[in-house]
Amino acid sequence: QVQLVESGGGLVQPGGSLRLSCAASGSVFSINTMGWYRQAPGKQREFVADITSGGYTKYQDSVKGRFTISRDNIGKAVYLQMNSLKPEDTAVYYCKAEINWGQGTQVTVSP
């Protein structure tokens, strides 16, 4: 079993940046893919980005060129650098590692 703890959310103005972090503990050796999802009020949870243990990345089209996902070499942490943030990026951001989910961190983009 894997435990995930996110951090780094907060309030930022449009055009600003935030960096989310997710620390994994437990059976981290079993993790191949780690990623980020988000859920805005009244909407379904959606995929944002993920990264495999080999460094292969995928992004949702709306965040390409603005968000960058990365992970540490031992696979215990994944990061999401978010630049040029927009109000529509406002959501609770969740870290996922295989079938395991974190508790989420709120990101609010507002003037």
PDB file of N, CA and C in Angstrom:
ATOM      1  N   GLN A   1       0.829  -1.180   0.000  1.00  0.00           N
ATOM      2  CA  GLN A   1       0.000   0.000   0.000  1.00  0.00           C
ATOM      3  C   GLN A   1       0.879   1.250   0.000  1.00  0.00           C
ATOM      4  N   VAL A   2       0.378   2.283  -0.654  1.00  0.00           N
ATOM      5  CA  VAL A   2       1.121   3.527  -0.789  1.00  0.00           C
ATOM      6  C   VAL A   2       0.321   4.672  -0.180  1.00  0.00           C
ATOM      7  N   GLN A   3       0.989   5.505   0.592  1.00  0.00           N
ATOM      8  CA  GLN A   3       0.381   6.702   1.140  1.00  0.00           C
ATOM      9  C   GLN A   3       0.934   7.917   0.403  1.00  0.00           C
ATOM     10  N   LEU A   4       0.040   8.856   0.104  1.00  0.00           N
ATOM     11  CA  LEU A   4       0.415  10.039  -0.665  1.00  0.00           C
ATOM     12  C   LEU A   4      -0.018  11.297   0.079  1.00  0.00           C
ATOM     13  N   VAL A   5       0.868  12.265   0.170  1.00  0.00           N
ATOM     14  CA  VAL A   5       0.553  13.525   0.837  1.00  0.00           C
ATOM     15  C   VAL A   5       0.939  14.673  -0.094  1.00  0.00           C
ATOM     16  N   GLU A   6      -0.062  15.479  -0.459  1.00  0.00           N
ATOM     17  CA  GLU A   6       0.182  16.629  -1.331  1.00  0.00           C
ATOM     18  C   GLU A   6       0.441  17.887  -0.523  1.00  0.00           C
ATOM     19  N   SER A   7       1.139  18.820  -1.137  1.00  0.00           N
ATOM     20  CA  SER A   7       1.356  20.128  -0.537  1.00  0.00           C
ATOM     21  C   SER A   7       1.614  21.137  -1.646  1.00  0.00           C
ATOM     22  N   GLY A   8       1.541  22.417  -1.293  1.00  0.00           N
ATOM     23  CA  GLY A   8       1.905  23.462  -2.243  1.00  0.00           C
ATOM     24  C   GLY A   8       0.737  24.227  -2.851  1.00  0.00           C
ATOM     25  N   GLY A   9      -0.468  23.848  -2.515  1.00  0.00           N
ATOM     26  CA  GLY A   9      -1.612  24.587  -3.034  1.00  0.00           C
ATOM     27  C   GLY A   9      -1.737  25.953  -2.383  1.00  0.00           C
ATOM     28  N   GLY A  10      -2.665  26.756  -2.896  1.00  0.00           N
ATOM     29  CA  GLY A  10      -2.883  28.067  -2.318  1.00  0.00           C
ATOM     30  C   GLY A  10      -3.636  28.976  -3.247  1.00  0.00           C
ATOM     31  N   LEU A  11      -3.624  30.263  -2.903  1.00  0.00           N
ATOM     32  CA  LEU A  11      -4.299  31.291  -3.689  1.00  0.00           C
ATOM     33  C   LEU A  11      -3.260  32.046  -4.502  1.00  0.00           C
ATOM     34  N   VAL A  12      -3.521  32.208  -5.786  1.00  0.00           N
ATOM     35  CA  VAL A  12      -2.590  32.907  -6.660  1.00  0.00           C
ATOM     36  C   VAL A  12      -3.381  33.732  -7.666  1.00  0.00           C
ATOM     37  N   GLN A  13      -2.797  34.820  -8.114  1.00  0.00           N
ATOM     38  CA  GLN A  13      -3.460  35.659  -9.116  1.00  0.00           C
ATOM     39  C   GLN A  13      -3.308  35.054 -10.504  1.00  0.00           C
ATOM     40  N   PRO A  14      -4.207  35.378 -11.409  1.00  0.00           N
ATOM     41  CA  PRO A  14      -4.049  34.913 -12.798  1.00  0.00           C
ATOM     42  C   PRO A  14      -2.690  35.310 -13.349  1.00  0.00           C
ATOM     43  N   GLY A  15      -2.071  34.373 -14.045  1.00  0.00           N
ATOM     44  CA  GLY A  15      -0.731  34.588 -14.570  1.00  0.00           C
ATOM     45  C   GLY A  15       0.374  34.149 -13.628  1.00  0.00           C
ATOM     46  N   GLY A  16       0.011  33.831 -12.415  1.00  0.00           N
ATOM     47  CA  GLY A  16       0.995  33.434 -11.423  1.00  0.00           C
ATOM     48  C   GLY A  16       1.384  31.966 -11.524  1.00  0.00           C
ATOM     49  N   SER A  17       2.214  31.543 -10.578  1.00  0.00           N
ATOM     50  CA  SER A  17       2.749  30.176 -10.576  1.00  0.00           C
ATOM     51  C   SER A  17       2.597  29.530  -9.206  1.00  0.00           C
ATOM     52  N   LEU A  18       2.489  28.217  -9.221  1.00  0.00           N
ATOM     53  CA  LEU A  18       2.508  27.405  -8.013  1.00  0.00           C
ATOM     54  C   LEU A  18       3.228  26.109  -8.326  1.00  0.00           C
ATOM     55  N   ARG A  19       3.808  25.520  -7.309  1.00  0.00           N
ATOM     56  CA  ARG A  19       4.454  24.215  -7.469  1.00  0.00           C
ATOM     57  C   ARG A  19       3.849  23.261  -6.451  1.00  0.00           C
ATOM     58  N   LEU A  20       3.213  22.224  -6.948  1.00  0.00           N
ATOM     59  CA  LEU A  20       2.634  21.198  -6.086  1.00  0.00           C
ATOM     60  C   LEU A  20       3.638  20.077  -5.889  1.00  0.00           C
ATOM     61  N   SER A  21       3.617  19.510  -4.690  1.00  0.00           N
ATOM     62  CA  SER A  21       4.469  18.376  -4.376  1.00  0.00           C
ATOM     63  C   SER A  21       3.616  17.242  -3.829  1.00  0.00           C
ATOM     64  N   CYS A  22       4.052  16.032  -4.085  1.00  0.00           N
ATOM     65  CA  CYS A  22       3.372  14.846  -3.560  1.00  0.00           C
ATOM     66  C   CYS A  22       4.447  13.877  -3.078  1.00  0.00           C
ATOM     67  N   ALA A  23       4.406  13.581  -1.797  1.00  0.00           N
ATOM     68  CA  ALA A  23       5.367  12.659  -1.206  1.00  0.00           C
ATOM     69  C   ALA A  23       4.715  11.301  -1.007  1.00  0.00           C
ATOM     70  N   ALA A  24       5.396  10.268  -1.479  1.00  0.00           N
ATOM     71  CA  ALA A  24       4.886   8.904  -1.361  1.00  0.00           C
ATOM     72  C   ALA A  24       5.648   8.142  -0.292  1.00  0.00           C
ATOM     73  N   SER A  25       4.944   7.289   0.424  1.00  0.00           N
ATOM     74  CA  SER A  25       5.574   6.412   1.402  1.00  0.00           C
ATOM     75  C   SER A  25       4.877   5.063   1.354  1.00  0.00           C
ATOM     76  N   GLY A  26       5.502   4.078   1.961  1.00  0.00           N
ATOM     77  CA  GLY A  26       4.956   2.729   1.922  1.00  0.00           C
ATOM     78  C   GLY A  26       5.610   1.923   0.829  1.00  0.00           C
ATOM     79  N   SER A  27       4.820   1.211   0.067  1.00  0.00           N
ATOM     80  CA  SER A  27       5.348   0.297  -0.957  1.00  0.00           C
ATOM     81  C   SER A  27       5.672   1.048  -2.247  1.00  0.00           C
ATOM     82  N   VAL A  28       6.600   1.993  -2.161  1.00  0.00           N
ATOM     83  CA  VAL A  28       6.903   2.849  -3.315  1.00  0.00           C
ATOM     84  C   VAL A  28       7.565   2.065  -4.443  1.00  0.00           C
ATOM     85  N   PHE A  29       8.175   0.906  -4.125  1.00  0.00           N
ATOM     86  CA  PHE A  29       8.842   0.107  -5.158  1.00  0.00           C
ATOM     87  C   PHE A  29       7.840  -0.377  -6.197  1.00  0.00           C
ATOM     88  N   SER A  30       6.545  -0.399  -5.816  1.00  0.00           N
ATOM     89  CA  SER A  30       5.511  -0.910  -6.722  1.00  0.00           C
ATOM     90  C   SER A  30       4.985   0.153  -7.690  1.00  0.00           C
ATOM     91  N   ILE A  31       5.446   1.386  -7.537  1.00  0.00           N
ATOM     92  CA  ILE A  31       4.903   2.486  -8.326  1.00  0.00           C
ATOM     93  C   ILE A  31       5.596   2.591  -9.676  1.00  0.00           C
ATOM     94  N   ASN A  32       4.802   2.594 -10.756  1.00  0.00           N
ATOM     95  CA  ASN A  32       5.339   2.930 -12.064  1.00  0.00           C
ATOM     96  C   ASN A  32       4.920   4.350 -12.431  1.00  0.00           C
ATOM     97  N   THR A  33       3.622   4.562 -12.515  1.00  0.00           N
ATOM     98  CA  THR A  33       3.111   5.855 -12.951  1.00  0.00           C
ATOM     99  C   THR A  33       2.597   6.679 -11.770  1.00  0.00           C
ATOM    100  N   MET A  34       3.000   7.936 -11.745  1.00  0.00           N
ATOM    101  CA  MET A  34       2.473   8.896 -10.777  1.00  0.00           C
ATOM    102  C   MET A  34       1.891  10.074 -11.556  1.00  0.00           C
ATOM    103  N   GLY A  35       0.833  10.645 -11.005  1.00  0.00           N
ATOM    104  CA  GLY A  35       0.207  11.715 -11.755  1.00  0.00           C
ATOM    105  C   GLY A  35      -0.611  12.655 -10.911  1.00  0.00           C
ATOM    106  N   TRP A  36      -1.177  13.631 -11.602  1.00  0.00           N
ATOM    107  CA  TRP A  36      -2.026  14.634 -10.971  1.00  0.00           C
ATOM    108  C   TRP A  36      -3.379  14.681 -11.670  1.00  0.00           C
ATOM    109  N   TYR A  37      -4.419  14.781 -10.873  1.00  0.00           N
ATOM    110  CA  TYR A  37      -5.783  14.980 -11.337  1.00  0.00           C
ATOM    111  C   TYR A  37      -6.332  16.201 -10.605  1.00  0.00           C
ATOM    112  N   ARG A  38      -7.442  16.715 -11.098  1.00  0.00           N
ATOM    113  CA  ARG A  38      -8.069  17.849 -10.417  1.00  0.00           C
ATOM    114  C   ARG A  38      -9.580  17.762 -10.512  1.00  0.00           C
ATOM    115  N   GLN A  39     -10.230  18.379  -9.541  1.00  0.00           N
ATOM    116  CA  GLN A  39     -11.689  18.389  -9.521  1.00  0.00           C
ATOM    117  C   GLN A  39     -12.168  19.779  -9.134  1.00  0.00           C
ATOM    118  N   ALA A  40     -12.842  20.430 -10.055  1.00  0.00           N
ATOM    119  CA  ALA A  40     -13.422  21.739  -9.795  1.00  0.00           C
ATOM    120  C   ALA A  40     -14.826  21.554  -9.216  1.00  0.00           C
ATOM    121  N   PRO A  41     -15.342  22.564  -8.522  1.00  0.00           N
ATOM    122  CA  PRO A  41     -16.688  22.452  -7.931  1.00  0.00           C
ATOM    123  C   PRO A  41     -17.732  22.119  -8.986  1.00  0.00           C
ATOM    124  N   GLY A  42     -18.527  21.110  -8.706  1.00  0.00           N
ATOM    125  CA  GLY A  42     -19.604  20.735  -9.616  1.00  0.00           C
ATOM    126  C   GLY A  42     -19.173  19.963 -10.838  1.00  0.00           C
ATOM    127  N   LYS A  43     -17.888  19.608 -10.917  1.00  0.00           N
ATOM    128  CA  LYS A  43     -17.372  18.889 -12.083  1.00  0.00           C
ATOM    129  C   LYS A  43     -16.750  17.577 -11.671  1.00  0.00           C
ATOM    130  N   GLN A  44     -16.578  16.703 -12.667  1.00  0.00           N
ATOM    131  CA  GLN A  44     -15.937  15.425 -12.392  1.00  0.00           C
ATOM    132  C   GLN A  44     -14.428  15.606 -12.290  1.00  0.00           C
ATOM    133  N   ARG A  45     -13.805  14.664 -11.585  1.00  0.00           N
ATOM    134  CA  ARG A  45     -12.353  14.682 -11.495  1.00  0.00           C
ATOM    135  C   ARG A  45     -11.778  14.409 -12.877  1.00  0.00           C
ATOM    136  N   GLU A  46     -10.726  15.165 -13.231  1.00  0.00           N
ATOM    137  CA  GLU A  46     -10.141  15.016 -14.551  1.00  0.00           C
ATOM    138  C   GLU A  46      -8.631  14.856 -14.479  1.00  0.00           C
ATOM    139  N   PHE A  47      -8.108  14.201 -15.492  1.00  0.00           N
ATOM    140  CA  PHE A  47      -6.675  13.992 -15.619  1.00  0.00           C
ATOM    141  C   PHE A  47      -5.973  15.314 -15.935  1.00  0.00           C
ATOM    142  N   VAL A  48      -4.825  15.526 -15.294  1.00  0.00           N
ATOM    143  CA  VAL A  48      -4.014  16.702 -15.594  1.00  0.00           C
ATOM    144  C   VAL A  48      -2.704  16.282 -16.269  1.00  0.00           C
ATOM    145  N   ALA A  49      -1.942  15.435 -15.616  1.00  0.00           N
ATOM    146  CA  ALA A  49      -0.658  15.005 -16.163  1.00  0.00           C
ATOM    147  C   ALA A  49      -0.194  13.773 -15.414  1.00  0.00           C
ATOM    148  N   ASP A  50       0.646  12.961 -16.088  1.00  0.00           N
ATOM    149  CA  ASP A  50       1.294  11.871 -15.366  1.00  0.00           C
ATOM    150  C   ASP A  50       2.673  11.610 -15.937  1.00  0.00           C
ATOM    151  N   ILE A  51       3.442  10.807 -15.184  1.00  0.00           N
ATOM    152  CA  ILE A  51       4.822  10.519 -15.565  1.00  0.00           C
ATOM    153  C   ILE A  51       5.138   9.096 -15.137  1.00  0.00           C
ATOM    154  N   THR A  52       5.780   8.346 -16.021  1.00  0.00           N
ATOM    155  CA  THR A  52       6.157   6.976 -15.694  1.00  0.00           C
ATOM    156  C   THR A  52       7.522   6.958 -15.012  1.00  0.00           C
ATOM    157  N   SER A  53       7.904   5.787 -14.519  1.00  0.00           N
ATOM    158  CA  SER A  53       9.215   5.648 -13.892  1.00  0.00           C
ATOM    159  C   SER A  53      10.335   5.892 -14.902  1.00  0.00           C
ATOM    160  N   GLY A  54      10.035   5.730 -16.174  1.00  0.00           N
ATOM    161  CA  GLY A  54      11.022   5.988 -17.212  1.00  0.00           C
ATOM    162  C   GLY A  54      11.065   7.424 -17.674  1.00  0.00           C
ATOM    163  N   GLY A  55      10.196   8.256 -17.094  1.00  0.00           N
ATOM    164  CA  GLY A  55      10.206   9.667 -17.431  1.00  0.00           C
ATOM    165  C   GLY A  55       9.280  10.073 -18.563  1.00  0.00           C
ATOM    166  N   TYR A  56       8.463   9.141 -19.053  1.00  0.00           N
ATOM    167  CA  TYR A  56       7.519   9.473 -20.116  1.00  0.00           C
ATOM    168  C   TYR A  56       6.360  10.258 -19.528  1.00  0.00           C
ATOM    169  N   THR A  57       6.019  11.387 -20.133  1.00  0.00           N
ATOM    170  CA  THR A  57       4.988  12.261 -19.591  1.00  0.00           C
ATOM    171  C   THR A  57       3.808  12.407 -20.544  1.00  0.00           C
ATOM    172  N   LYS A  58       2.649  12.658 -19.955  1.00  0.00           N
ATOM    173  CA  LYS A  58       1.440  12.976 -20.706  1.00  0.00           C
ATOM    174  C   LYS A  58       0.759  14.149 -20.024  1.00  0.00           C
ATOM    175  N   TYR A  59       0.087  14.987 -20.832  1.00  0.00           N
ATOM    176  CA  TYR A  59      -0.600  16.152 -20.297  1.00  0.00           C
ATOM    177  C   TYR A  59      -1.983  16.292 -20.910  1.00  0.00           C
ATOM    178  N   GLN A  60      -2.881  16.849 -20.129  1.00  0.00           N
ATOM    179  CA  GLN A  60      -4.161  17.285 -20.684  1.00  0.00           C
ATOM    180  C   GLN A  60      -3.878  18.456 -21.613  1.00  0.00           C
ATOM    181  N   ASP A  61      -4.609  18.530 -22.700  1.00  0.00           N
ATOM    182  CA  ASP A  61      -4.331  19.568 -23.694  1.00  0.00           C
ATOM    183  C   ASP A  61      -4.364  20.977 -23.115  1.00  0.00           C
ATOM    184  N   SER A  62      -5.268  21.233 -22.188  1.00  0.00           N
ATOM    185  CA  SER A  62      -5.441  22.600 -21.679  1.00  0.00           C
ATOM    186  C   SER A  62      -4.269  23.078 -20.827  1.00  0.00           C
ATOM    187  N   VAL A  63      -3.400  22.170 -20.392  1.00  0.00           N
ATOM    188  CA  VAL A  63      -2.277  22.573 -19.550  1.00  0.00           C
ATOM    189  C   VAL A  63      -0.930  22.455 -20.255  1.00  0.00           C
ATOM    190  N   LYS A  64      -0.935  21.905 -21.468  1.00  0.00           N
ATOM    191  CA  LYS A  64       0.325  21.760 -22.208  1.00  0.00           C
ATOM    192  C   LYS A  64       0.978  23.123 -22.415  1.00  0.00           C
ATOM    193  N   GLY A  65       2.292  23.169 -22.141  1.00  0.00           N
ATOM    194  CA  GLY A  65       3.025  24.421 -22.285  1.00  0.00           C
ATOM    195  C   GLY A  65       2.985  25.301 -21.056  1.00  0.00           C
ATOM    196  N   ARG A  66       2.091  24.989 -20.119  1.00  0.00           N
ATOM    197  CA  ARG A  66       1.995  25.778 -18.888  1.00  0.00           C
ATOM    198  C   ARG A  66       2.400  24.978 -17.656  1.00  0.00           C
ATOM    199  N   PHE A  67       2.062  23.687 -17.637  1.00  0.00           N
ATOM    200  CA  PHE A  67       2.367  22.817 -16.495  1.00  0.00           C
ATOM    201  C   PHE A  67       3.496  21.859 -16.863  1.00  0.00           C
ATOM    202  N   THR A  68       4.317  21.549 -15.869  1.00  0.00           N
ATOM    203  CA  THR A  68       5.385  20.574 -16.062  1.00  0.00           C
ATOM    204  C   THR A  68       5.380  19.594 -14.900  1.00  0.00           C
ATOM    205  N   ILE A  69       5.297  18.313 -15.228  1.00  0.00           N
ATOM    206  CA  ILE A  69       5.341  17.275 -14.203  1.00  0.00           C
ATOM    207  C   ILE A  69       6.745  16.699 -14.138  1.00  0.00           C
ATOM    208  N   SER A  70       7.187  16.362 -12.928  1.00  0.00           N
ATOM    209  CA  SER A  70       8.496  15.748 -12.756  1.00  0.00           C
ATOM    210  C   SER A  70       8.450  14.854 -11.527  1.00  0.00           C
ATOM    211  N   ARG A  71       9.458  14.005 -11.386  1.00  0.00           N
ATOM    212  CA  ARG A  71       9.528  13.149 -10.205  1.00  0.00           C
ATOM    213  C   ARG A  71      10.978  12.960  -9.816  1.00  0.00           C
ATOM    214  N   ASP A  72      11.194  12.581  -8.575  1.00  0.00           N
ATOM    215  CA  ASP A  72      12.566  12.377  -8.137  1.00  0.00           C
ATOM    216  C   ASP A  72      13.049  11.009  -8.617  1.00  0.00           C
ATOM    217  N   ASN A  73      14.348  10.802  -8.547  1.00  0.00           N
ATOM    218  CA  ASN A  73      14.953   9.609  -9.143  1.00  0.00           C
ATOM    219  C   ASN A  73      14.585   8.317  -8.422  1.00  0.00           C
ATOM    220  N   ILE A  74      14.211   8.408  -7.154  1.00  0.00           N
ATOM    221  CA  ILE A  74      13.889   7.196  -6.409  1.00  0.00           C
ATOM    222  C   ILE A  74      12.385   6.966  -6.350  1.00  0.00           C
ATOM    223  N   GLY A  75      11.629   7.801  -7.032  1.00  0.00           N
ATOM    224  CA  GLY A  75      10.198   7.561  -7.170  1.00  0.00           C
ATOM    225  C   GLY A  75       9.358   7.829  -5.948  1.00  0.00           C
ATOM    226  N   LYS A  76       9.900   8.598  -5.013  1.00  0.00           N
ATOM    227  CA  LYS A  76       9.141   8.861  -3.804  1.00  0.00           C
ATOM    228  C   LYS A  76       8.418  10.196  -3.831  1.00  0.00           C
ATOM    229  N   ALA A  77       8.574  10.969  -4.889  1.00  0.00           N
ATOM    230  CA  ALA A  77       7.902  12.256  -4.952  1.00  0.00           C
ATOM    231  C   ALA A  77       7.618  12.621  -6.398  1.00  0.00           C
ATOM    232  N   VAL A  78       6.515  13.319  -6.576  1.00  0.00           N
ATOM    233  CA  VAL A  78       6.165  13.845  -7.895  1.00  0.00           C
ATOM    234  C   VAL A  78       5.783  15.299  -7.707  1.00  0.00           C
ATOM    235  N   TYR A  79       6.082  16.096  -8.715  1.00  0.00           N
ATOM    236  CA  TYR A  79       5.872  17.530  -8.621  1.00  0.00           C
ATOM    237  C   TYR A  79       5.062  18.022  -9.829  1.00  0.00           C
ATOM    238  N   LEU A  80       4.365  19.132  -9.634  1.00  0.00           N
ATOM    239  CA  LEU A  80       3.659  19.761 -10.742  1.00  0.00           C
ATOM    240  C   LEU A  80       3.944  21.261 -10.680  1.00  0.00           C
ATOM    241  N   GLN A  81       4.765  21.723 -11.601  1.00  0.00           N
ATOM    242  CA  GLN A  81       5.034  23.150 -11.719  1.00  0.00           C
ATOM    243  C   GLN A  81       3.963  23.751 -12.607  1.00  0.00           C
ATOM    244  N   MET A  82       3.228  24.709 -12.072  1.00  0.00           N
ATOM    245  CA  MET A  82       2.113  25.311 -12.793  1.00  0.00           C
ATOM    246  C   MET A  82       2.416  26.786 -13.027  1.00  0.00           C
ATOM    247  N   ASN A  83       2.531  27.165 -14.275  1.00  0.00           N
ATOM    248  CA  ASN A  83       2.798  28.548 -14.658  1.00  0.00           C
ATOM    249  C   ASN A  83       1.631  29.107 -15.454  1.00  0.00           C
ATOM    250  N   SER A  84       1.600  30.409 -15.586  1.00  0.00           N
ATOM    251  CA  SER A  84       0.544  31.090 -16.363  1.00  0.00           C
ATOM    252  C   SER A  84      -0.835  30.595 -15.938  1.00  0.00           C
ATOM    253  N   LEU A  85      -1.063  30.549 -14.655  1.00  0.00           N
ATOM    254  CA  LEU A  85      -2.315  30.002 -14.141  1.00  0.00           C
ATOM    255  C   LEU A  85      -3.513  30.850 -14.536  1.00  0.00           C
ATOM    256  N   LYS A  86      -4.628  30.173 -14.757  1.00  0.00           N
ATOM    257  CA  LYS A  86      -5.873  30.808 -15.168  1.00  0.00           C
ATOM    258  C   LYS A  86      -6.964  30.504 -14.148  1.00  0.00           C
ATOM    259  N   PRO A  87      -7.987  31.327 -14.073  1.00  0.00           N
ATOM    260  CA  PRO A  87      -9.085  31.036 -13.136  1.00  0.00           C
ATOM    261  C   PRO A  87      -9.681  29.645 -13.347  1.00  0.00           C
ATOM    262  N   GLU A  88      -9.703  29.171 -14.566  1.00  0.00           N
ATOM    263  CA  GLU A  88     -10.269  27.839 -14.826  1.00  0.00           C
ATOM    264  C   GLU A  88      -9.383  26.706 -14.323  1.00  0.00           C
ATOM    265  N   ASP A  89      -8.190  27.020 -13.840  1.00  0.00           N
ATOM    266  CA  ASP A  89      -7.348  26.009 -13.207  1.00  0.00           C
ATOM    267  C   ASP A  89      -7.726  25.801 -11.742  1.00  0.00           C
ATOM    268  N   THR A  90      -8.622  26.605 -11.234  1.00  0.00           N
ATOM    269  CA  THR A  90      -9.065  26.465  -9.848  1.00  0.00           C
ATOM    270  C   THR A  90      -9.718  25.114  -9.621  1.00  0.00           C
ATOM    271  N   ALA A  91      -9.216  24.388  -8.640  1.00  0.00           N
ATOM    272  CA  ALA A  91      -9.709  23.043  -8.361  1.00  0.00           C
ATOM    273  C   ALA A  91      -8.961  22.479  -7.158  1.00  0.00           C
ATOM    274  N   VAL A  92      -9.442  21.358  -6.683  1.00  0.00           N
ATOM    275  CA  VAL A  92      -8.666  20.550  -5.750  1.00  0.00           C
ATOM    276  C   VAL A  92      -7.803  19.611  -6.590  1.00  0.00           C
ATOM    277  N   TYR A  93      -6.511  19.633  -6.353  1.00  0.00           N
ATOM    278  CA  TYR A  93      -5.567  18.826  -7.112  1.00  0.00           C
ATOM    279  C   TYR A  93      -5.193  17.590  -6.292  1.00  0.00           C
ATOM    280  N   TYR A  94      -5.303  16.431  -6.934  1.00  0.00           N
ATOM    281  CA  TYR A  94      -5.042  15.156  -6.283  1.00  0.00           C
ATOM    282  C   TYR A  94      -3.840  14.473  -6.929  1.00  0.00           C
ATOM    283  N   CYS A  95      -3.002  13.901  -6.103  1.00  0.00           N
ATOM    284  CA  CYS A  95      -1.899  13.072  -6.547  1.00  0.00           C
ATOM    285  C   CYS A  95      -2.389  11.623  -6.637  1.00  0.00           C
ATOM    286  N   LYS A  96      -1.931  10.924  -7.653  1.00  0.00           N
ATOM    287  CA  LYS A  96      -2.286   9.520  -7.817  1.00  0.00           C
ATOM    288  C   LYS A  96      -1.036   8.719  -8.141  1.00  0.00           C
ATOM    289  N   ALA A  97      -0.896   7.564  -7.508  1.00  0.00           N
ATOM    290  CA  ALA A  97       0.183   6.613  -7.791  1.00  0.00           C
ATOM    291  C   ALA A  97      -0.450   5.235  -7.918  1.00  0.00           C
ATOM    292  N   GLU A  98      -0.500   4.739  -9.137  1.00  0.00           N
ATOM    293  CA  GLU A  98      -1.211   3.490  -9.448  1.00  0.00           C
ATOM    294  C   GLU A  98      -2.670   3.635  -8.996  1.00  0.00           C
ATOM    295  N   ILE A  99      -3.128   2.880  -8.012  1.00  0.00           N
ATOM    296  CA  ILE A  99      -4.535   2.964  -7.595  1.00  0.00           C
ATOM    297  C   ILE A  99      -4.699   3.803  -6.337  1.00  0.00           C
ATOM    298  N   ASN A 100      -3.627   4.416  -5.858  1.00  0.00           N
ATOM    299  CA  ASN A 100      -3.650   5.156  -4.608  1.00  0.00           C
ATOM    300  C   ASN A 100      -3.817   6.653  -4.860  1.00  0.00           C
ATOM    301  N   TRP A 101      -4.604   7.296  -3.982  1.00  0.00           N
ATOM    302  CA  TRP A 101      -4.893   8.720  -4.095  1.00  0.00           C
ATOM    303  C   TRP A 101      -4.468   9.463  -2.834  1.00  0.00           C
ATOM    304  N   GLY A 102      -4.030  10.715  -3.044  1.00  0.00           N
ATOM    305  CA  GLY A 102      -3.798  11.588  -1.908  1.00  0.00           C
ATOM    306  C   GLY A 102      -5.092  12.265  -1.483  1.00  0.00           C
ATOM    307  N   GLN A 103      -4.983  13.132  -0.471  1.00  0.00           N
ATOM    308  CA  GLN A 103      -6.172  13.772   0.078  1.00  0.00           C
ATOM    309  C   GLN A 103      -6.552  15.039  -0.672  1.00  0.00           C
ATOM    310  N   GLY A 104      -5.666  15.544  -1.497  1.00  0.00           N
ATOM    311  CA  GLY A 104      -5.950  16.716  -2.303  1.00  0.00           C
ATOM    312  C   GLY A 104      -5.429  18.004  -1.691  1.00  0.00           C
ATOM    313  N   THR A 105      -5.141  18.959  -2.561  1.00  0.00           N
ATOM    314  CA  THR A 105      -4.707  20.284  -2.127  1.00  0.00           C
ATOM    315  C   THR A 105      -5.421  21.323  -3.002  1.00  0.00           C
ATOM    316  N   GLN A 106      -5.929  22.370  -2.360  1.00  0.00           N
ATOM    317  CA  GLN A 106      -6.736  23.355  -3.071  1.00  0.00           C
ATOM    318  C   GLN A 106      -5.846  24.351  -3.804  1.00  0.00           C
ATOM    319  N   VAL A 107      -6.178  24.596  -5.053  1.00  0.00           N
ATOM    320  CA  VAL A 107      -5.544  25.642  -5.853  1.00  0.00           C
ATOM    321  C   VAL A 107      -6.638  26.614  -6.286  1.00  0.00           C
ATOM    322  N   THR A 108      -6.473  27.869  -5.932  1.00  0.00           N
ATOM    323  CA  THR A 108      -7.439  28.896  -6.300  1.00  0.00           C
ATOM    324  C   THR A 108      -6.729  29.991  -7.075  1.00  0.00           C
ATOM    325  N   VAL A 109      -7.220  30.269  -8.278  1.00  0.00           N
ATOM    326  CA  VAL A 109      -6.650  31.307  -9.121  1.00  0.00           C
ATOM    327  C   VAL A 109      -7.691  32.423  -9.235  1.00  0.00           C
ATOM    328  N   SER A 110      -7.387  33.550  -8.615  1.00  0.00           N
ATOM    329  CA  SER A 110      -8.363  34.639  -8.550  1.00  0.00           C
ATOM    330  C   SER A 110      -7.635  35.966  -8.396  1.00  0.00           C
ATOM    331  N   PRO A 111      -8.200  37.051  -8.981  1.00  0.00           N
ATOM    332  CA  PRO A 111      -7.552  38.373  -8.826  1.00  0.00           C
ATOM    333  C   PRO A 111      -7.516  38.819  -7.373  1.00  0.00           C
TER     334      PRO A 111
END
